[in-house]
Amino acid sequence: MSTPPSQPGGFGAAPPPYGQQPPQPPYVHPPFPQQGQPYGQQPYAAGHGPWGAPPMAPPPRHSTGKILAVVGAGVGALVVAIAGFAVFGDGAGFPEAKYRLRVPAEMVGGTFKLSTDLSDTTGRQMVEENRSRSNVRDPTGVVGGYTGQGEQDGSRLVVSGMYGRFKDPALSRTYMMEGAAEAPGATVAVPAHDITPEGSGMTLRCQVLTSEQAGVRSNVPMCAWGDANTGASVGLITDENVSQAPEDVDLVEVARITLAVREEMREPIA
């Protein structure tokens, strides 16, 4: 993995808060899948963890074939991101659990339809891998893959998140982006930075990663939110942004869709 030099206050590795000892590193990161594997085949070698790409159906247009390959990269990166989220916190002052995350059948007003829900497999193991070294309280993982409909036909939306009781939402967003950037095969093309979509009043952390397979570079744009009870990274991969110059990717649009995802996934605990 290669990254541009970290800027002060940017997405580079942050020191642990309040003078605590540095936390243990997350689990062994899964590599990005190789192109050309059959649909549904586990893309990771044994010993690197269970994080496979959702077995999505082939995209409807030849021009979106590259999207499927990069979705696998996105899933690996996003799951690594949540591991980074899970290992930080100072162990005191956790909030009451008031909200949880669900994996709905449709997302963003029906624009994306659920193709694979890995919450009971990848999501559960993601939590178990980090439970003993995490100061997050009562965590539950959720992982879902979605395919675009209508104007978003051929697009892929990947969500990897967790709900429970979390102490420092702002710091969690930073660690989620750093965790994704550390996935083997990932290169940070647009460093993580805060975006507050107009009229939302909520700050997200967003970045663009790239992966290169068989000499073809693909973008993985993503944003993360974090609040007292929920946190997730959202990757949005489209015909347009998958092969754009990374600096031309519309991260404000990815942030807008991430907020819509949060609105539809987050629900009060009865």
C-alpha atoms as a PDB file:
ATOM      1  CA  MET A   1       0.000   0.000   0.000  1.00  0.00           C
ATOM      2  CA  SER A   2       1.202   3.504  -0.738  1.00  0.00           C
ATOM      3  CA  THR A   3      -0.157   6.812   0.409  1.00  0.00           C
ATOM      4  CA  PRO A   4       0.791  10.427  -0.156  1.00  0.00           C
ATOM      5  CA  PRO A   5       2.531  12.123   2.756  1.00  0.00           C
ATOM      6  CA  SER A   6       0.223  12.824   5.659  1.00  0.00           C
ATOM      7  CA  GLN A   7      -0.635  16.453   6.341  1.00  0.00           C
ATOM      8  CA  PRO A   8      -0.906  17.763   9.885  1.00  0.00           C
ATOM      9  CA  GLY A   9      -4.398  17.140  11.080  1.00  0.00           C
ATOM     10  CA  GLY A  10      -5.169  15.097   7.943  1.00  0.00           C
ATOM     11  CA  PHE A  11      -5.941  11.451   7.560  1.00  0.00           C
ATOM     12  CA  GLY A  12      -2.557  10.143   8.729  1.00  0.00           C
ATOM     13  CA  ALA A  13      -2.329   7.917  11.779  1.00  0.00           C
ATOM     14  CA  ALA A  14      -3.709   9.809  14.757  1.00  0.00           C
ATOM     15  CA  PRO A  15      -2.194   9.483  18.230  1.00  0.00           C
ATOM     16  CA  PRO A  16      -4.387   7.792  20.807  1.00  0.00           C
ATOM     17  CA  PRO A  17      -6.472  10.259  22.817  1.00  0.00           C
ATOM     18  CA  TYR A  18      -5.962  11.250  26.409  1.00  0.00           C
ATOM     19  CA  GLY A  19      -2.453   9.828  26.634  1.00  0.00           C
ATOM     20  CA  GLN A  20      -3.567   6.193  26.543  1.00  0.00           C
ATOM     21  CA  GLN A  21      -1.286   3.477  25.256  1.00  0.00           C
ATOM     22  CA  PRO A  22      -1.520   2.796  21.511  1.00  0.00           C
ATOM     23  CA  PRO A  23      -4.171   0.140  20.823  1.00  0.00           C
ATOM     24  CA  GLN A  24      -3.418  -3.219  19.322  1.00  0.00           C
ATOM     25  CA  PRO A  25      -3.505  -3.198  15.530  1.00  0.00           C
ATOM     26  CA  PRO A  26      -6.629  -4.622  13.908  1.00  0.00           C
ATOM     27  CA  TYR A  27      -6.818  -8.158  12.582  1.00  0.00           C
ATOM     28  CA  VAL A  28      -4.785  -9.243   9.551  1.00  0.00           C
ATOM     29  CA  HIS A  29      -6.171  -7.243   6.683  1.00  0.00           C
ATOM     30  CA  PRO A  30      -7.644  -9.136   3.733  1.00  0.00           C
ATOM     31  CA  PRO A  31      -6.068  -8.536   0.345  1.00  0.00           C
ATOM     32  CA  PHE A  32      -8.081  -7.174  -2.508  1.00  0.00           C
ATOM     33  CA  PRO A  33      -9.592  -9.886  -4.722  1.00  0.00           C
ATOM     34  CA  GLN A  34      -8.059 -10.643  -8.061  1.00  0.00           C
ATOM     35  CA  GLN A  35      -9.968 -10.036 -11.259  1.00  0.00           C
ATOM     36  CA  GLY A  36     -11.382 -12.935 -13.173  1.00  0.00           C
ATOM     37  CA  GLN A  37     -12.665 -15.019 -10.274  1.00  0.00           C
ATOM     38  CA  PRO A  38     -16.064 -16.676 -10.705  1.00  0.00           C
ATOM     39  CA  TYR A  39     -19.041 -14.986  -9.101  1.00  0.00           C
ATOM     40  CA  GLY A  40     -19.565 -16.173  -5.553  1.00  0.00           C
ATOM     41  CA  GLN A  41     -16.044 -17.576  -5.165  1.00  0.00           C
ATOM     42  CA  GLN A  42     -14.232 -16.490  -2.018  1.00  0.00           C
ATOM     43  CA  PRO A  43     -11.595 -14.036  -3.285  1.00  0.00           C
ATOM     44  CA  TYR A  44      -9.248 -14.235  -0.302  1.00  0.00           C
ATOM     45  CA  ALA A  45      -6.650 -16.825   0.504  1.00  0.00           C
ATOM     46  CA  ALA A  46      -6.972 -19.001   3.594  1.00  0.00           C
ATOM     47  CA  GLY A  47      -5.592 -17.452   6.728  1.00  0.00           C
ATOM     48  CA  HIS A  48      -6.574 -13.889   5.850  1.00  0.00           C
ATOM     49  CA  GLY A  49     -10.049 -13.895   7.371  1.00  0.00           C
ATOM     50  CA  PRO A  50     -13.546 -14.474   6.011  1.00  0.00           C
ATOM     51  CA  TRP A  51     -14.054 -11.161   4.241  1.00  0.00           C
ATOM     52  CA  GLY A  52     -15.406 -12.028   0.781  1.00  0.00           C
ATOM     53  CA  ALA A  53     -17.087  -9.793  -1.756  1.00  0.00           C
ATOM     54  CA  PRO A  54     -20.883 -10.094  -1.913  1.00  0.00           C
ATOM     55  CA  PRO A  55     -21.819 -12.612  -4.629  1.00  0.00           C
ATOM     56  CA  MET A  56     -23.601 -10.016  -6.742  1.00  0.00           C
ATOM     57  CA  ALA A  57     -25.116 -10.839 -10.117  1.00  0.00           C
ATOM     58  CA  PRO A  58     -23.153  -9.818 -13.224  1.00  0.00           C
ATOM     59  CA  PRO A  59     -23.740  -6.164 -14.067  1.00  0.00           C
ATOM     60  CA  PRO A  60     -26.226  -5.495 -16.873  1.00  0.00           C
ATOM     61  CA  ARG A  61     -23.814  -3.684 -19.212  1.00  0.00           C
ATOM     62  CA  HIS A  62     -20.363  -4.655 -20.406  1.00  0.00           C
ATOM     63  CA  SER A  63     -19.130  -1.195 -19.440  1.00  0.00           C
ATOM     64  CA  THR A  64     -19.816  -1.979 -15.776  1.00  0.00           C
ATOM     65  CA  GLY A  65     -17.806  -5.183 -15.649  1.00  0.00           C
ATOM     66  CA  LYS A  66     -14.960  -3.392 -13.938  1.00  0.00           C
ATOM     67  CA  ILE A  67     -17.339  -2.210 -11.210  1.00  0.00           C
ATOM     68  CA  LEU A  68     -17.901  -5.739  -9.929  1.00  0.00           C
ATOM     69  CA  ALA A  69     -14.183  -6.288  -9.434  1.00  0.00           C
ATOM     70  CA  VAL A  70     -13.731  -3.049  -7.538  1.00  0.00           C
ATOM     71  CA  VAL A  71     -16.759  -3.802  -5.348  1.00  0.00           C
ATOM     72  CA  GLY A  72     -14.753  -6.682  -3.943  1.00  0.00           C
ATOM     73  CA  ALA A  73     -11.977  -4.223  -3.174  1.00  0.00           C
ATOM     74  CA  GLY A  74     -14.489  -1.890  -1.598  1.00  0.00           C
ATOM     75  CA  VAL A  75     -15.924  -4.579   0.652  1.00  0.00           C
ATOM     76  CA  GLY A  76     -12.471  -5.530   1.883  1.00  0.00           C
ATOM     77  CA  ALA A  77     -11.567  -1.908   2.516  1.00  0.00           C
ATOM     78  CA  LEU A  78     -14.829  -1.078   4.253  1.00  0.00           C
ATOM     79  CA  VAL A  79     -14.685  -4.092   6.546  1.00  0.00           C
ATOM     80  CA  VAL A  80     -11.123  -3.185   7.484  1.00  0.00           C
ATOM     81  CA  ALA A  81     -12.400   0.330   8.166  1.00  0.00           C
ATOM     82  CA  ILE A  82     -14.921  -0.899  10.711  1.00  0.00           C
ATOM     83  CA  ALA A  83     -12.195  -2.903  12.442  1.00  0.00           C
ATOM     84  CA  GLY A  84     -10.330   0.363  12.886  1.00  0.00           C
ATOM     85  CA  PHE A  85     -13.483   1.877  14.338  1.00  0.00           C
ATOM     86  CA  ALA A  86     -13.842  -0.945  16.841  1.00  0.00           C
ATOM     87  CA  VAL A  87     -10.466  -0.823  18.542  1.00  0.00           C
ATOM     88  CA  PHE A  88     -10.434   2.690  19.942  1.00  0.00           C
ATOM     89  CA  GLY A  89     -11.962   4.384  22.995  1.00  0.00           C
ATOM     90  CA  ASP A  90     -10.867   5.090  26.563  1.00  0.00           C
ATOM     91  CA  GLY A  91     -13.382   2.775  28.266  1.00  0.00           C
ATOM     92  CA  ALA A  92     -15.476   5.356  30.116  1.00  0.00           C
ATOM     93  CA  GLY A  93     -18.550   7.476  29.567  1.00  0.00           C
ATOM     94  CA  PHE A  94     -20.375   5.383  26.995  1.00  0.00           C
ATOM     95  CA  PRO A  95     -23.814   6.660  25.947  1.00  0.00           C
ATOM     96  CA  GLU A  96     -27.139   4.909  26.279  1.00  0.00           C
ATOM     97  CA  ALA A  97     -28.137   2.678  23.355  1.00  0.00           C
ATOM     98  CA  LYS A  98     -31.011   4.430  21.591  1.00  0.00           C
ATOM     99  CA  TYR A  99     -30.480   3.523  17.923  1.00  0.00           C
ATOM    100  CA  ARG A 100     -29.515   0.497  15.859  1.00  0.00           C
ATOM    101  CA  LEU A 101     -28.842  -0.249  12.189  1.00  0.00           C
ATOM    102  CA  ARG A 102     -30.919  -2.434   9.894  1.00  0.00           C
ATOM    103  CA  VAL A 103     -30.202  -3.662   6.364  1.00  0.00           C
ATOM    104  CA  PRO A 104     -33.287  -2.642   4.354  1.00  0.00           C
ATOM    105  CA  ALA A 105     -34.397  -4.322   1.130  1.00  0.00           C
ATOM    106  CA  GLU A 106     -34.106  -1.000  -0.685  1.00  0.00           C
ATOM    107  CA  MET A 107     -31.944   2.030  -0.131  1.00  0.00           C
ATOM    108  CA  VAL A 108     -31.931   5.699  -1.137  1.00  0.00           C
ATOM    109  CA  GLY A 109     -35.629   5.813  -1.951  1.00  0.00           C
ATOM    110  CA  GLY A 110     -35.591   2.546  -3.896  1.00  0.00           C
ATOM    111  CA  THR A 111     -32.644   3.559  -6.083  1.00  0.00           C
ATOM    112  CA  PHE A 112     -30.595   0.608  -4.785  1.00  0.00           C
ATOM    113  CA  LYS A 113     -31.867  -2.895  -4.073  1.00  0.00           C
ATOM    114  CA  LEU A 114     -30.265  -5.339  -1.649  1.00  0.00           C
ATOM    115  CA  SER A 115     -28.322  -8.097  -3.383  1.00  0.00           C
ATOM    116  CA  THR A 116     -26.464  -9.601  -0.411  1.00  0.00           C
ATOM    117  CA  ASP A 117     -26.767  -9.259   3.371  1.00  0.00           C
ATOM    118  CA  LEU A 118     -23.611 -10.505   5.095  1.00  0.00           C
ATOM    119  CA  SER A 119     -24.503  -9.251   8.568  1.00  0.00           C
ATOM    120  CA  ASP A 120     -24.895 -12.752  10.049  1.00  0.00           C
ATOM    121  CA  THR A 121     -21.567 -13.932   8.637  1.00  0.00           C
ATOM    122  CA  THR A 122     -19.061 -11.197   7.838  1.00  0.00           C
ATOM    123  CA  GLY A 123     -20.698  -8.730  10.223  1.00  0.00           C
ATOM    124  CA  ARG A 124     -20.712 -11.159  13.137  1.00  0.00           C
ATOM    125  CA  GLN A 125     -17.154 -12.346  12.625  1.00  0.00           C
ATOM    126  CA  MET A 126     -16.012  -8.753  12.174  1.00  0.00           C
ATOM    127  CA  VAL A 127     -17.245  -8.015  15.695  1.00  0.00           C
ATOM    128  CA  GLU A 128     -15.857 -11.218  17.226  1.00  0.00           C
ATOM    129  CA  GLU A 129     -12.397 -10.553  15.780  1.00  0.00           C
ATOM    130  CA  ASN A 130     -12.262  -7.276  17.698  1.00  0.00           C
ATOM    131  CA  ARG A 131     -14.428  -7.834  20.766  1.00  0.00           C
ATOM    132  CA  SER A 132     -11.588  -8.603  23.186  1.00  0.00           C
ATOM    133  CA  ARG A 133      -9.573  -5.485  22.306  1.00  0.00           C
ATOM    134  CA  SER A 134     -12.425  -3.079  21.720  1.00  0.00           C
ATOM    135  CA  ASN A 135     -13.819  -0.506  24.088  1.00  0.00           C
ATOM    136  CA  VAL A 136     -16.988  -0.271  22.044  1.00  0.00           C
ATOM    137  CA  ARG A 137     -19.906  -1.546  24.090  1.00  0.00           C
ATOM    138  CA  ASP A 138     -22.467  -4.087  22.820  1.00  0.00           C
ATOM    139  CA  PRO A 139     -21.366  -3.990  19.157  1.00  0.00           C
ATOM    140  CA  THR A 140     -23.285  -5.615  16.293  1.00  0.00           C
ATOM    141  CA  GLY A 141     -21.949  -5.578  12.725  1.00  0.00           C
ATOM    142  CA  VAL A 142     -23.954  -5.035   9.550  1.00  0.00           C
ATOM    143  CA  VAL A 143     -22.689  -5.531   5.987  1.00  0.00           C
ATOM    144  CA  GLY A 144     -24.764  -5.218   2.829  1.00  0.00           C
ATOM    145  CA  GLY A 145     -24.258  -4.983  -0.930  1.00  0.00           C
ATOM    146  CA  TYR A 146     -26.745  -3.175  -3.174  1.00  0.00           C
ATOM    147  CA  THR A 147     -27.233  -2.897  -6.944  1.00  0.00           C
ATOM    148  CA  GLY A 148     -28.443   0.269  -8.633  1.00  0.00           C
ATOM    149  CA  GLN A 149     -31.815   0.610 -10.347  1.00  0.00           C
ATOM    150  CA  GLY A 150     -33.077   3.019 -13.011  1.00  0.00           C
ATOM    151  CA  GLU A 151     -30.642   5.881 -13.518  1.00  0.00           C
ATOM    152  CA  GLN A 152     -28.213   4.114 -11.173  1.00  0.00           C
ATOM    153  CA  ASP A 153     -28.351   0.874 -13.195  1.00  0.00           C
ATOM    154  CA  GLY A 154     -24.909  -0.729 -13.070  1.00  0.00           C
ATOM    155  CA  SER A 155     -23.867   1.067  -9.882  1.00  0.00           C
ATOM    156  CA  ARG A 156     -22.910  -0.690  -6.676  1.00  0.00           C
ATOM    157  CA  LEU A 157     -23.429   0.488  -3.102  1.00  0.00           C
ATOM    158  CA  VAL A 158     -21.546  -1.257  -0.293  1.00  0.00           C
ATOM    159  CA  VAL A 159     -22.272  -0.569   3.385  1.00  0.00           C
ATOM    160  CA  SER A 160     -20.204  -1.897   6.283  1.00  0.00           C
ATOM    161  CA  GLY A 161     -21.160  -0.688   9.727  1.00  0.00           C
ATOM    162  CA  MET A 162     -21.670  -1.328  13.381  1.00  0.00           C
ATOM    163  CA  TYR A 163     -24.107  -0.295  16.081  1.00  0.00           C
ATOM    164  CA  GLY A 164     -23.758  -0.296  19.846  1.00  0.00           C
ATOM    165  CA  ARG A 165     -22.446   2.371  22.230  1.00  0.00           C
ATOM    166  CA  PHE A 166     -19.558   4.518  21.023  1.00  0.00           C
ATOM    167  CA  LYS A 167     -17.829   7.304  22.875  1.00  0.00           C
ATOM    168  CA  ASP A 168     -16.103   9.507  20.282  1.00  0.00           C
ATOM    169  CA  PRO A 169     -18.013   9.716  16.961  1.00  0.00           C
ATOM    170  CA  ALA A 170     -15.679  12.270  15.363  1.00  0.00           C
ATOM    171  CA  LEU A 171     -12.610  10.149  16.076  1.00  0.00           C
ATOM    172  CA  SER A 172     -14.373   7.022  14.833  1.00  0.00           C
ATOM    173  CA  ARG A 173     -14.873   8.587  11.393  1.00  0.00           C
ATOM    174  CA  THR A 174     -11.161   9.263  11.144  1.00  0.00           C
ATOM    175  CA  TYR A 175     -10.226   5.745  12.193  1.00  0.00           C
ATOM    176  CA  MET A 176     -12.680   4.188   9.739  1.00  0.00           C
ATOM    177  CA  MET A 177     -11.029   6.025   6.863  1.00  0.00           C
ATOM    178  CA  GLU A 178      -7.546   5.135   8.098  1.00  0.00           C
ATOM    179  CA  GLY A 179      -8.533   1.490   8.461  1.00  0.00           C
ATOM    180  CA  ALA A 180      -9.770   1.403   4.871  1.00  0.00           C
ATOM    181  CA  ALA A 181      -6.593   3.054   3.616  1.00  0.00           C
ATOM    182  CA  GLU A 182      -4.504   0.314   5.258  1.00  0.00           C
ATOM    183  CA  ALA A 183      -6.139  -2.489   3.282  1.00  0.00           C
ATOM    184  CA  PRO A 184      -3.489  -4.271   1.185  1.00  0.00           C
ATOM    185  CA  GLY A 185      -3.651  -3.158  -2.426  1.00  0.00           C
ATOM    186  CA  ALA A 186      -5.236   0.178  -1.581  1.00  0.00           C
ATOM    187  CA  THR A 187      -3.705   3.526  -2.430  1.00  0.00           C
ATOM    188  CA  VAL A 188      -5.046   6.792  -1.102  1.00  0.00           C
ATOM    189  CA  ALA A 189      -5.750   8.982  -4.125  1.00  0.00           C
ATOM    190  CA  VAL A 190      -7.775  11.716  -2.414  1.00  0.00           C
ATOM    191  CA  PRO A 191      -6.905  12.018   1.284  1.00  0.00           C
ATOM    192  CA  ALA A 192      -9.662  11.802   3.864  1.00  0.00           C
ATOM    193  CA  HIS A 193     -11.305  15.087   4.730  1.00  0.00           C
ATOM    194  CA  ASP A 194     -14.506  16.311   6.339  1.00  0.00           C
ATOM    195  CA  ILE A 195     -17.576  17.098   4.239  1.00  0.00           C
ATOM    196  CA  THR A 196     -20.770  18.621   5.601  1.00  0.00           C
ATOM    197  CA  PRO A 197     -23.448  18.428   2.879  1.00  0.00           C
ATOM    198  CA  GLU A 198     -25.389  21.666   2.565  1.00  0.00           C
ATOM    199  CA  GLY A 199     -28.375  21.822   4.871  1.00  0.00           C
ATOM    200  CA  SER A 200     -27.522  18.584   6.693  1.00  0.00           C
ATOM    201  CA  GLY A 201     -25.713  19.891   9.749  1.00  0.00           C
ATOM    202  CA  MET A 202     -23.788  16.595   9.878  1.00  0.00           C
ATOM    203  CA  THR A 203     -20.094  16.098   9.174  1.00  0.00           C
ATOM    204  CA  LEU A 204     -18.858  13.036   7.286  1.00  0.00           C
ATOM    205  CA  ARG A 205     -15.322  11.872   6.553  1.00  0.00           C
ATOM    206  CA  CYS A 206     -14.673  11.004   2.889  1.00  0.00           C
ATOM    207  CA  GLN A 207     -11.821   9.830   0.683  1.00  0.00           C
ATOM    208  CA  VAL A 208     -11.048   8.123  -2.618  1.00  0.00           C
ATOM    209  CA  LEU A 209      -8.977   4.936  -2.664  1.00  0.00           C
ATOM    210  CA  THR A 210      -7.690   3.273  -5.799  1.00  0.00           C
ATOM    211  CA  SER A 211      -6.831  -0.334  -6.515  1.00  0.00           C
ATOM    212  CA  GLU A 212      -4.915  -1.619  -9.502  1.00  0.00           C
ATOM    213  CA  GLN A 213      -5.611  -5.048 -10.966  1.00  0.00           C
ATOM    214  CA  ALA A 214      -4.185  -6.405 -14.220  1.00  0.00           C
ATOM    215  CA  GLY A 215      -2.840  -2.937 -14.925  1.00  0.00           C
ATOM    216  CA  VAL A 216      -6.274  -1.306 -14.631  1.00  0.00           C
ATOM    217  CA  ARG A 217      -6.778   1.267 -11.908  1.00  0.00           C
ATOM    218  CA  SER A 218     -10.225   1.605 -10.321  1.00  0.00           C
ATOM    219  CA  ASN A 219     -11.555   4.097  -7.800  1.00  0.00           C
ATOM    220  CA  VAL A 220     -13.303   3.245  -4.533  1.00  0.00           C
ATOM    221  CA  PRO A 221     -14.943   6.464  -3.267  1.00  0.00           C
ATOM    222  CA  MET A 222     -16.273   6.239   0.286  1.00  0.00           C
ATOM    223  CA  CYS A 223     -17.629   8.271   3.178  1.00  0.00           C
ATOM    224  CA  ALA A 224     -18.157   7.419   6.839  1.00  0.00           C
ATOM    225  CA  TRP A 225     -20.470   8.664   9.548  1.00  0.00           C
ATOM    226  CA  GLY A 226     -20.245   8.093  13.271  1.00  0.00           C
ATOM    227  CA  ASP A 227     -22.611   8.960  16.092  1.00  0.00           C
ATOM    228  CA  ALA A 228     -23.133   7.803  19.661  1.00  0.00           C
ATOM    229  CA  ASN A 229     -24.822   4.533  18.616  1.00  0.00           C
ATOM    230  CA  THR A 230     -24.054   3.897  14.936  1.00  0.00           C
ATOM    231  CA  GLY A 231     -21.178   4.145  12.490  1.00  0.00           C
ATOM    232  CA  ALA A 232     -20.617   2.939   8.940  1.00  0.00           C
ATOM    233  CA  SER A 233     -18.553   3.369   5.816  1.00  0.00           C
ATOM    234  CA  VAL A 234     -20.407   3.619   2.508  1.00  0.00           C
ATOM    235  CA  GLY A 235     -18.774   2.950  -0.854  1.00  0.00           C
ATOM    236  CA  LEU A 236     -20.515   4.165  -4.021  1.00  0.00           C
ATOM    237  CA  ILE A 237     -19.124   2.836  -7.282  1.00  0.00           C
ATOM    238  CA  THR A 238     -20.658   3.990 -10.564  1.00  0.00           C
ATOM    239  CA  ASP A 239     -19.930   3.797 -14.289  1.00  0.00           C
ATOM    240  CA  GLU A 240     -18.654   7.348 -14.109  1.00  0.00           C
ATOM    241  CA  ASN A 241     -16.587   7.505 -10.938  1.00  0.00           C
ATOM    242  CA  VAL A 242     -14.899   4.104 -11.199  1.00  0.00           C
ATOM    243  CA  SER A 243     -12.477   5.334 -13.878  1.00  0.00           C
ATOM    244  CA  GLN A 244     -12.435   9.111 -13.389  1.00  0.00           C
ATOM    245  CA  ALA A 245      -9.358  10.976 -12.344  1.00  0.00           C
ATOM    246  CA  PRO A 246      -9.634  10.519  -8.552  1.00  0.00           C
ATOM    247  CA  GLU A 247      -9.611  14.270  -7.934  1.00  0.00           C
ATOM    248  CA  ASP A 248     -12.670  14.594 -10.204  1.00  0.00           C
ATOM    249  CA  VAL A 249     -14.801  12.139  -8.200  1.00  0.00           C
ATOM    250  CA  ASP A 250     -17.795  13.960  -6.711  1.00  0.00           C
ATOM    251  CA  LEU A 251     -17.326  13.162  -3.029  1.00  0.00           C
ATOM    252  CA  VAL A 252     -20.054  15.635  -2.106  1.00  0.00           C
ATOM    253  CA  GLU A 253     -22.501  13.376  -3.966  1.00  0.00           C
ATOM    254  CA  VAL A 254     -21.097  10.314  -2.182  1.00  0.00           C
ATOM    255  CA  ALA A 255     -21.576  12.183   1.104  1.00  0.00           C
ATOM    256  CA  ARG A 256     -25.163  13.062   0.182  1.00  0.00           C
ATOM    257  CA  ILE A 257     -25.966   9.427  -0.561  1.00  0.00           C
ATOM    258  CA  THR A 258     -24.208   8.347   2.640  1.00  0.00           C
ATOM    259  CA  LEU A 259     -26.551  10.600   4.618  1.00  0.00           C
ATOM    260  CA  ALA A 260     -29.536   9.039   2.827  1.00  0.00           C
ATOM    261  CA  VAL A 261     -28.189   5.577   3.701  1.00  0.00           C
ATOM    262  CA  ARG A 262     -27.842   6.595   7.348  1.00  0.00           C
ATOM    263  CA  GLU A 263     -31.396   7.915   7.403  1.00  0.00           C
ATOM    264  CA  GLU A 264     -32.778   4.636   6.045  1.00  0.00           C
ATOM    265  CA  MET A 265     -30.601   2.240   8.061  1.00  0.00           C
ATOM    266  CA  ARG A 266     -30.774   3.942  11.451  1.00  0.00           C
ATOM    267  CA  GLU A 267     -33.860   3.268  13.575  1.00  0.00           C
ATOM    268  CA  PRO A 268     -34.846   3.755  17.237  1.00  0.00           C
ATOM    269  CA  ILE A 269     -34.543   0.780  19.554  1.00  0.00           C
ATOM    270  CA  ALA A 270     -38.060  -0.089  20.692  1.00  0.00           C
END
